[in-house]
């Protein structure tokens, strides 16, 4: 803190304003209602054929084949990775329930 007219920290010393968070900062955050609705739909509709096949591949330890299948169907590597992870989470939870 210098407050001088020259140098790296030149100029008048002022406090940083504390601004309220903008609505855009919560973009993409999952709300309670949306989460509940998605759970209900998943419970009623079950899993898609792609997801069922993916889960079957993961059961047999074919992670890479699962990723390739998802990538071909979904279009991008990022989407395929997230879908594979969703299927893996379902598989882990179902195995936990079975024990």
N, C-alpha and C. Protein backbone atom coordinates (compact mmCIF):
# COMPACT_ATOMS: atom_id res chain seq x y z
N UNK A 1 0.85 -1.18 0.00
CA UNK A 1 0.00 0.00 0.00
C UNK A 1 0.89 1.24 0.00
N UNK A 2 0.78 1.98 -1.07
CA UNK A 2 1.64 3.16 -1.12
C UNK A 2 0.81 4.45 -1.19
N UNK A 3 -0.15 4.51 -2.10
CA UNK A 3 -0.92 5.74 -2.25
C UNK A 3 -0.15 6.83 -2.97
N UNK A 4 1.01 6.48 -3.52
CA UNK A 4 1.83 7.46 -4.24
C UNK A 4 1.34 7.60 -5.68
N UNK A 5 1.84 8.57 -6.37
CA UNK A 5 1.42 8.84 -7.74
C UNK A 5 2.13 7.94 -8.75
N UNK A 6 3.23 7.29 -8.32
CA UNK A 6 3.98 6.44 -9.24
C UNK A 6 4.19 5.06 -8.63
N UNK A 7 4.56 4.09 -9.46
CA UNK A 7 4.87 2.76 -8.97
C UNK A 7 3.77 1.75 -9.30
N UNK A 8 3.99 0.52 -8.84
CA UNK A 8 3.04 -0.55 -9.16
C UNK A 8 1.66 -0.32 -8.54
N UNK A 9 1.64 0.13 -7.29
CA UNK A 9 0.36 0.33 -6.59
C UNK A 9 0.04 1.81 -6.45
N UNK A 10 0.17 2.53 -7.57
CA UNK A 10 -0.03 3.97 -7.54
C UNK A 10 -1.52 4.31 -7.46
N UNK A 11 -1.80 5.52 -7.04
CA UNK A 11 -3.18 6.01 -7.04
C UNK A 11 -3.81 6.03 -5.66
N UNK A 12 -5.04 6.53 -5.63
CA UNK A 12 -5.80 6.67 -4.38
C UNK A 12 -6.16 5.29 -3.84
N UNK A 13 -5.99 5.09 -2.52
CA UNK A 13 -6.34 3.81 -1.90
C UNK A 13 -7.84 3.75 -1.67
N UNK A 14 -8.48 2.77 -2.25
CA UNK A 14 -9.93 2.61 -2.08
C UNK A 14 -10.23 1.18 -1.67
N UNK A 15 -11.38 0.98 -1.00
CA UNK A 15 -11.83 -0.35 -0.61
C UNK A 15 -12.59 -0.98 -1.76
N UNK A 16 -12.45 -2.28 -1.94
CA UNK A 16 -13.16 -2.99 -2.99
C UNK A 16 -14.63 -3.10 -2.59
N UNK A 17 -15.54 -2.78 -3.49
CA UNK A 17 -16.98 -2.86 -3.20
C UNK A 17 -17.44 -4.31 -3.13
N UNK A 18 -18.29 -4.62 -2.17
CA UNK A 18 -18.86 -5.96 -2.05
C UNK A 18 -20.18 -5.98 -2.83
N UNK A 19 -20.17 -6.56 -4.02
CA UNK A 19 -21.36 -6.59 -4.86
C UNK A 19 -22.16 -7.86 -4.58
N UNK A 20 -23.48 -7.74 -4.77
CA UNK A 20 -24.34 -8.91 -4.61
C UNK A 20 -24.08 -9.89 -5.75
N UNK A 21 -24.19 -11.20 -5.51
CA UNK A 21 -23.94 -12.15 -6.60
C UNK A 21 -24.97 -11.98 -7.72
N UNK A 22 -24.49 -12.09 -8.94
CA UNK A 22 -25.37 -11.92 -10.09
C UNK A 22 -26.13 -13.22 -10.37
N UNK A 23 -27.32 -13.13 -10.94
CA UNK A 23 -28.10 -14.35 -11.23
C UNK A 23 -27.36 -15.32 -12.16
N UNK A 24 -26.52 -14.78 -13.02
CA UNK A 24 -25.80 -15.63 -13.96
C UNK A 24 -24.80 -16.54 -13.26
N UNK A 25 -24.42 -16.19 -12.02
CA UNK A 25 -23.42 -16.99 -11.33
C UNK A 25 -23.97 -18.34 -10.88
N UNK A 26 -25.31 -18.51 -10.83
CA UNK A 26 -25.89 -19.80 -10.45
C UNK A 26 -26.36 -20.60 -11.66
N UNK A 27 -25.97 -20.16 -12.84
CA UNK A 27 -26.37 -20.87 -14.05
C UNK A 27 -25.81 -22.29 -14.05
N UNK A 28 -26.67 -23.24 -14.35
CA UNK A 28 -26.24 -24.63 -14.41
C UNK A 28 -26.35 -25.36 -13.09
N UNK A 29 -26.67 -24.65 -12.00
CA UNK A 29 -26.79 -25.28 -10.69
C UNK A 29 -28.14 -26.00 -10.62
N UNK A 30 -28.11 -27.21 -10.10
CA UNK A 30 -29.33 -28.02 -10.05
C UNK A 30 -30.21 -27.60 -8.88
N UNK A 31 -31.45 -27.25 -9.19
CA UNK A 31 -32.41 -26.85 -8.16
C UNK A 31 -33.10 -28.06 -7.55
N UNK A 32 -33.75 -27.86 -6.40
CA UNK A 32 -34.42 -28.97 -5.70
C UNK A 32 -35.55 -29.56 -6.53
N UNK A 33 -36.38 -28.68 -7.11
CA UNK A 33 -37.55 -29.14 -7.86
C UNK A 33 -37.13 -29.92 -9.11
N UNK A 34 -36.16 -29.38 -9.84
CA UNK A 34 -35.69 -30.04 -11.07
C UNK A 34 -35.10 -31.41 -10.74
N UNK A 35 -34.34 -31.48 -9.64
CA UNK A 35 -33.75 -32.74 -9.22
C UNK A 35 -34.84 -33.77 -8.90
N UNK A 36 -35.88 -33.32 -8.18
CA UNK A 36 -36.98 -34.20 -7.82
C UNK A 36 -37.71 -34.72 -9.05
N UNK A 37 -37.99 -33.82 -10.00
CA UNK A 37 -38.70 -34.20 -11.24
C UNK A 37 -37.89 -35.22 -12.03
N UNK A 38 -36.58 -35.00 -12.13
CA UNK A 38 -35.73 -35.93 -12.87
C UNK A 38 -35.69 -37.30 -12.22
N UNK A 39 -35.68 -37.33 -10.88
CA UNK A 39 -35.69 -38.61 -10.16
C UNK A 39 -36.98 -39.38 -10.43
N UNK A 40 -38.12 -38.66 -10.41
CA UNK A 40 -39.42 -39.29 -10.66
C UNK A 40 -39.46 -39.86 -12.07
N UNK A 41 -39.00 -39.09 -13.04
CA UNK A 41 -39.00 -39.54 -14.44
C UNK A 41 -38.11 -40.76 -14.61
N UNK A 42 -36.94 -40.74 -13.97
CA UNK A 42 -36.01 -41.88 -14.05
C UNK A 42 -36.66 -43.13 -13.47
N UNK A 43 -37.37 -42.95 -12.35
CA UNK A 43 -38.02 -44.07 -11.67
C UNK A 43 -39.12 -44.69 -12.55
N UNK A 44 -39.88 -43.82 -13.23
CA UNK A 44 -40.99 -44.29 -14.05
C UNK A 44 -40.52 -44.84 -15.39
N UNK A 45 -39.68 -44.07 -16.07
CA UNK A 45 -39.28 -44.43 -17.44
C UNK A 45 -38.16 -45.45 -17.49
N UNK A 46 -37.33 -45.52 -16.44
CA UNK A 46 -36.21 -46.45 -16.45
C UNK A 46 -35.05 -45.93 -17.27
N UNK A 47 -34.25 -46.85 -17.79
CA UNK A 47 -33.05 -46.48 -18.53
C UNK A 47 -33.25 -46.67 -20.02
N UNK A 48 -32.56 -45.83 -20.79
CA UNK A 48 -32.65 -45.92 -22.25
C UNK A 48 -31.85 -47.14 -22.73
N UNK A 49 -32.10 -47.60 -23.95
CA UNK A 49 -31.34 -48.74 -24.48
C UNK A 49 -29.82 -48.50 -24.46
N UNK A 50 -29.41 -47.26 -24.75
CA UNK A 50 -27.98 -46.93 -24.72
C UNK A 50 -27.43 -47.12 -23.31
N UNK A 51 -28.17 -46.63 -22.32
CA UNK A 51 -27.71 -46.73 -20.94
C UNK A 51 -27.68 -48.19 -20.48
N UNK A 52 -28.67 -48.96 -20.86
CA UNK A 52 -28.70 -50.38 -20.48
C UNK A 52 -27.50 -51.13 -21.07
N UNK A 53 -27.22 -50.85 -22.33
CA UNK A 53 -26.08 -51.50 -22.99
C UNK A 53 -24.77 -51.07 -22.35
N UNK A 54 -24.69 -49.79 -22.01
CA UNK A 54 -23.50 -49.24 -21.37
C UNK A 54 -23.26 -49.92 -20.02
N UNK A 55 -24.32 -50.07 -19.26
CA UNK A 55 -24.22 -50.71 -17.94
C UNK A 55 -23.75 -52.15 -18.09
N UNK A 56 -24.27 -52.83 -19.10
CA UNK A 56 -23.88 -54.22 -19.35
C UNK A 56 -22.39 -54.30 -19.70
N UNK A 57 -21.92 -53.36 -20.53
CA UNK A 57 -20.49 -53.34 -20.89
C UNK A 57 -19.63 -53.07 -19.66
N UNK A 58 -20.08 -52.16 -18.80
CA UNK A 58 -19.31 -51.84 -17.59
C UNK A 58 -19.27 -53.04 -16.64
N UNK A 59 -20.35 -53.79 -16.58
CA UNK A 59 -20.37 -55.00 -15.74
C UNK A 59 -19.29 -55.97 -16.16
N UNK A 60 -19.06 -56.05 -17.47
CA UNK A 60 -18.07 -56.97 -18.02
C UNK A 60 -16.68 -56.36 -18.10
N UNK A 61 -16.52 -55.15 -17.54
CA UNK A 61 -15.19 -54.52 -17.52
C UNK A 61 -14.74 -53.95 -18.84
N UNK A 62 -15.70 -53.60 -19.71
CA UNK A 62 -15.34 -53.05 -21.03
C UNK A 62 -15.55 -51.53 -21.02
N UNK A 63 -14.77 -50.84 -20.20
CA UNK A 63 -14.92 -49.38 -20.04
C UNK A 63 -14.70 -48.63 -21.35
N UNK A 64 -13.64 -49.03 -22.05
CA UNK A 64 -13.29 -48.31 -23.27
C UNK A 64 -14.35 -48.52 -24.35
N UNK A 65 -14.87 -49.73 -24.45
CA UNK A 65 -15.91 -50.04 -25.43
C UNK A 65 -17.17 -49.21 -25.13
N UNK A 66 -17.46 -49.07 -23.84
CA UNK A 66 -18.60 -48.27 -23.39
C UNK A 66 -18.42 -46.81 -23.82
N UNK A 67 -17.22 -46.30 -23.64
CA UNK A 67 -16.93 -44.91 -24.02
C UNK A 67 -17.07 -44.73 -25.53
N UNK A 68 -16.58 -45.69 -26.29
CA UNK A 68 -16.66 -45.61 -27.75
C UNK A 68 -18.11 -45.62 -28.21
N UNK A 69 -18.92 -46.48 -27.59
CA UNK A 69 -20.34 -46.57 -27.93
C UNK A 69 -21.04 -45.25 -27.64
N UNK A 70 -20.79 -44.71 -26.44
CA UNK A 70 -21.42 -43.45 -26.05
C UNK A 70 -20.98 -42.31 -26.97
N UNK A 71 -19.70 -42.31 -27.34
CA UNK A 71 -19.18 -41.23 -28.19
C UNK A 71 -19.85 -41.28 -29.56
N UNK A 72 -20.04 -42.48 -30.07
CA UNK A 72 -20.67 -42.62 -31.38
C UNK A 72 -22.12 -42.15 -31.34
N UNK A 73 -22.84 -42.49 -30.27
CA UNK A 73 -24.25 -42.15 -30.16
C UNK A 73 -24.49 -40.69 -29.76
N UNK A 74 -23.63 -40.16 -28.87
CA UNK A 74 -23.88 -38.82 -28.31
C UNK A 74 -23.13 -37.71 -29.04
N UNK A 75 -22.09 -38.06 -29.77
CA UNK A 75 -21.44 -37.05 -30.61
C UNK A 75 -20.12 -36.50 -30.10
N UNK A 76 -20.00 -36.24 -28.79
CA UNK A 76 -18.75 -35.65 -28.32
C UNK A 76 -18.13 -36.51 -27.22
N UNK A 77 -16.83 -36.35 -27.06
CA UNK A 77 -16.07 -37.11 -26.07
C UNK A 77 -16.51 -36.72 -24.65
N UNK A 78 -16.74 -35.43 -24.45
CA UNK A 78 -17.13 -34.92 -23.13
C UNK A 78 -18.47 -35.50 -22.70
N UNK A 79 -19.45 -35.51 -23.59
CA UNK A 79 -20.77 -36.07 -23.28
C UNK A 79 -20.68 -37.56 -23.02
N UNK A 80 -19.83 -38.23 -23.80
CA UNK A 80 -19.66 -39.68 -23.65
C UNK A 80 -19.06 -40.01 -22.28
N UNK A 81 -18.07 -39.23 -21.86
CA UNK A 81 -17.45 -39.47 -20.56
C UNK A 81 -18.45 -39.29 -19.43
N UNK A 82 -19.29 -38.25 -19.52
CA UNK A 82 -20.25 -38.01 -18.46
C UNK A 82 -21.32 -39.10 -18.43
N UNK A 83 -21.73 -39.59 -19.60
CA UNK A 83 -22.73 -40.65 -19.67
C UNK A 83 -22.17 -41.95 -19.09
N UNK A 84 -20.92 -42.25 -19.41
CA UNK A 84 -20.27 -43.44 -18.86
C UNK A 84 -20.18 -43.36 -17.34
N UNK A 85 -19.86 -42.16 -16.85
CA UNK A 85 -19.77 -41.95 -15.40
C UNK A 85 -21.13 -42.12 -14.73
N UNK A 86 -22.19 -41.62 -15.37
CA UNK A 86 -23.56 -41.80 -14.85
C UNK A 86 -23.89 -43.28 -14.73
N UNK A 87 -23.57 -44.03 -15.76
CA UNK A 87 -23.85 -45.47 -15.76
C UNK A 87 -23.02 -46.17 -14.70
N UNK A 88 -21.78 -45.76 -14.53
CA UNK A 88 -20.90 -46.37 -13.52
C UNK A 88 -21.43 -46.09 -12.11
N UNK A 89 -21.93 -44.87 -11.88
CA UNK A 89 -22.49 -44.52 -10.57
C UNK A 89 -23.72 -45.37 -10.29
N UNK A 90 -24.59 -45.53 -11.30
CA UNK A 90 -25.76 -46.38 -11.12
C UNK A 90 -25.36 -47.80 -10.77
N UNK A 91 -24.35 -48.31 -11.48
CA UNK A 91 -23.88 -49.68 -11.25
C UNK A 91 -23.35 -49.84 -9.82
N UNK A 92 -22.55 -48.86 -9.37
CA UNK A 92 -22.00 -48.91 -8.01
C UNK A 92 -23.11 -48.89 -6.95
N UNK A 93 -24.11 -48.02 -7.14
CA UNK A 93 -25.19 -47.93 -6.15
C UNK A 93 -26.03 -49.19 -6.15
N UNK A 94 -26.27 -49.76 -7.31
CA UNK A 94 -27.08 -50.99 -7.36
C UNK A 94 -26.33 -52.16 -6.73
N UNK A 95 -25.00 -52.20 -6.89
CA UNK A 95 -24.21 -53.26 -6.26
C UNK A 95 -24.18 -53.10 -4.74
N UNK A 96 -24.18 -51.82 -4.27
CA UNK A 96 -24.20 -51.55 -2.86
C UNK A 96 -25.53 -52.01 -2.24
N UNK A 97 -26.63 -51.74 -2.98
CA UNK A 97 -27.95 -52.15 -2.49
C UNK A 97 -28.08 -53.66 -2.43
N UNK A 98 -27.44 -54.35 -3.39
CA UNK A 98 -27.53 -55.82 -3.44
C UNK A 98 -26.85 -56.48 -2.23
N UNK A 99 -25.83 -55.82 -1.67
CA UNK A 99 -25.09 -56.39 -0.54
C UNK A 99 -25.83 -56.22 0.73
